C-alpha cells in the first residue's frame, strides 16, 4: 500500500488523510461563531495548495469544504442565509468568494517544497 494512503493499522495516517482531516475540522469551524474576517477556509486553500501532491485535489478540497459548510450553514441558519444563495443578485458575490479561495490555492503552489514561517506569512498576506 502506498505511504500516502489511509491505513487503519496506523494511529496517525500521513499525507493526504491527515490534511483532509484538518480540512474537515476547519470547514466545521465555520459553524462556530467567529470574529469578523476570520477565514479558516482561506487557510485550508493556502496549505492545501502547498501540501497536496495533486493540484486538482488541492483546488477541489477547499472548494468542496466551502460548499459543504455553506450547505450546513444554510440548514442550521435557514432564512436569510438560504435567501442569499438563492437570489441572483448575490451570485457575483458568491462566485467571487469561491474564486478567491481558488486563487489563494493557486498562489500557494509557489510554496511547494519551500514552506517556512516567513514565506507562509508572506503568502497569507498576499492571499488576503
Protein backbone atom coordinates (compact mmCIF):
# COMPACT_ATOMS: atom_id res chain seq x y z
CA UNK A 1 0.00 0.00 0.00
CA UNK A 2 1.44 3.45 -0.85
CA UNK A 3 2.70 5.53 2.04
CA UNK A 4 0.30 8.37 1.20
CA UNK A 5 -2.90 6.32 1.51
CA UNK A 6 -5.06 5.95 4.58
CA UNK A 7 -4.45 2.82 6.56
CA UNK A 8 -6.39 1.52 9.53
CA UNK A 9 -3.27 -0.03 11.13
CA UNK A 10 -1.70 3.39 11.77
CA UNK A 11 -2.54 5.69 14.64
CA UNK A 12 -1.95 8.83 12.57
CA UNK A 13 -2.03 8.34 8.82
CA UNK A 14 0.45 10.57 6.99
CA UNK A 15 -0.12 12.58 3.89
CA UNK A 16 -3.50 13.36 2.42
CA UNK A 17 -5.55 11.71 5.17
CA UNK A 18 -4.19 13.96 7.90
CA UNK A 19 -4.54 17.01 5.68
CA UNK A 20 -8.09 16.04 4.73
CA UNK A 21 -8.96 15.63 8.42
CA UNK A 22 -7.54 19.05 9.20
CA UNK A 23 -9.57 20.49 6.35
CA UNK A 24 -12.73 18.86 7.65
CA UNK A 25 -12.15 20.39 11.09
CA UNK A 26 -11.53 23.81 9.57
CA UNK A 27 -14.68 23.52 7.46
CA UNK A 28 -16.69 22.59 10.54
CA UNK A 29 -15.24 25.64 12.29
CA UNK A 30 -17.40 27.79 10.01
CA UNK A 31 -20.36 26.62 12.07
CA UNK A 32 -18.88 28.29 15.17
CA UNK A 33 -19.28 31.97 15.96
CA UNK A 34 -16.05 33.53 14.64
CA UNK A 35 -14.63 37.05 14.67
CA UNK A 36 -15.16 39.12 11.51
CA UNK A 37 -12.80 38.35 8.61
CA UNK A 38 -11.54 35.15 10.24
CA UNK A 39 -11.44 32.69 7.35
CA UNK A 40 -10.27 29.16 8.09
CA UNK A 41 -11.25 28.14 4.55
CA UNK A 42 -8.59 30.50 3.17
CA UNK A 43 -6.03 28.80 5.41
CA UNK A 44 -7.20 25.47 4.01
CA UNK A 45 -6.64 26.76 0.49
CA UNK A 46 -3.17 28.06 1.36
CA UNK A 47 -1.95 24.88 3.00
CA UNK A 48 -3.81 22.61 0.59
CA UNK A 49 -2.06 24.31 -2.30
CA UNK A 50 1.29 23.96 -0.55
CA UNK A 51 0.96 20.33 0.56
CA UNK A 52 -1.42 18.34 -1.65
CA UNK A 53 0.63 16.47 -4.26
CA UNK A 54 -2.12 16.68 -6.88
CA UNK A 55 -3.07 20.21 -7.86
CA UNK A 56 -6.60 19.24 -8.82
CA UNK A 57 -7.14 17.81 -5.36
CA UNK A 58 -5.55 20.90 -3.80
CA UNK A 59 -8.17 23.05 -5.56
CA UNK A 60 -11.11 20.70 -5.07
CA UNK A 61 -10.80 20.12 -1.33
CA UNK A 62 -11.12 23.73 -0.08
CA UNK A 63 -13.85 24.50 -2.62
CA UNK A 64 -15.75 21.39 -1.58
CA UNK A 65 -15.22 22.24 2.09
CA UNK A 66 -16.66 25.70 1.44
CA UNK A 67 -19.65 24.31 -0.46
CA UNK A 68 -20.41 21.70 2.21
CA UNK A 69 -20.08 24.21 5.04
CA UNK A 70 -22.29 26.66 3.12
CA UNK A 71 -24.92 23.92 2.86
CA UNK A 72 -24.60 23.14 6.57
CA UNK A 73 -24.90 26.84 7.43
CA UNK A 74 -27.98 27.08 5.22
CA UNK A 75 -29.58 24.19 7.08
CA UNK A 76 -28.54 25.50 10.50
CA UNK A 77 -29.40 29.15 9.96
CA UNK A 78 -32.04 28.98 7.22
CA UNK A 79 -33.91 32.14 6.30
CA UNK A 80 -31.64 34.97 5.20
CA UNK A 81 -28.67 32.65 4.66
CA UNK A 82 -30.61 30.49 2.21
CA UNK A 83 -32.05 33.60 0.56
CA UNK A 84 -28.52 34.91 -0.01
CA UNK A 85 -27.65 31.81 -2.04
CA UNK A 86 -30.89 31.74 -4.00
CA UNK A 87 -31.03 35.42 -5.01
CA UNK A 88 -29.50 36.01 -8.47
CA UNK A 89 -28.22 39.46 -7.46
CA UNK A 90 -25.86 37.84 -4.94
CA UNK A 91 -24.39 35.27 -7.34
CA UNK A 92 -21.44 37.50 -8.38
CA UNK A 93 -20.50 37.92 -4.71
CA UNK A 94 -20.72 34.19 -4.08
CA UNK A 95 -18.67 33.46 -7.20
CA UNK A 96 -16.05 35.99 -6.06
CA UNK A 97 -15.73 34.21 -2.70
CA UNK A 98 -15.13 30.86 -4.36
CA UNK A 99 -12.75 32.43 -6.89
CA UNK A 100 -10.69 33.97 -4.08
CA UNK A 101 -10.37 30.56 -2.44
CA UNK A 102 -9.20 29.05 -5.73
CA UNK A 103 -6.73 31.89 -6.33
CA UNK A 104 -5.28 31.50 -2.84
CA UNK A 105 -4.75 27.82 -3.55
CA UNK A 106 -3.07 28.54 -6.90
CA UNK A 107 -0.89 31.17 -5.23
CA UNK A 108 0.16 28.58 -2.65
CA UNK A 109 1.54 26.31 -5.37
CA UNK A 110 4.58 28.59 -5.10
CA UNK A 111 5.11 27.38 -1.53
CA UNK A 112 5.54 23.75 -2.51
CA UNK A 113 8.72 22.35 -1.04
CA UNK A 114 9.68 25.75 0.39
CA UNK A 115 7.40 26.18 3.40
CA UNK A 116 8.94 28.41 6.07
CA UNK A 117 7.34 30.75 8.61
CA UNK A 118 8.22 33.96 6.77
CA UNK A 119 7.07 32.55 3.42
CA UNK A 120 3.76 31.38 4.87
CA UNK A 121 3.26 34.83 6.37
CA UNK A 122 4.04 36.48 3.04
CA UNK A 123 1.80 34.18 1.05
CA UNK A 124 -1.05 34.54 3.54
CA UNK A 125 -0.80 38.32 3.30
CA UNK A 126 -0.65 38.12 -0.49
CA UNK A 127 -3.69 35.82 -0.47
CA UNK A 128 -5.59 38.32 1.64
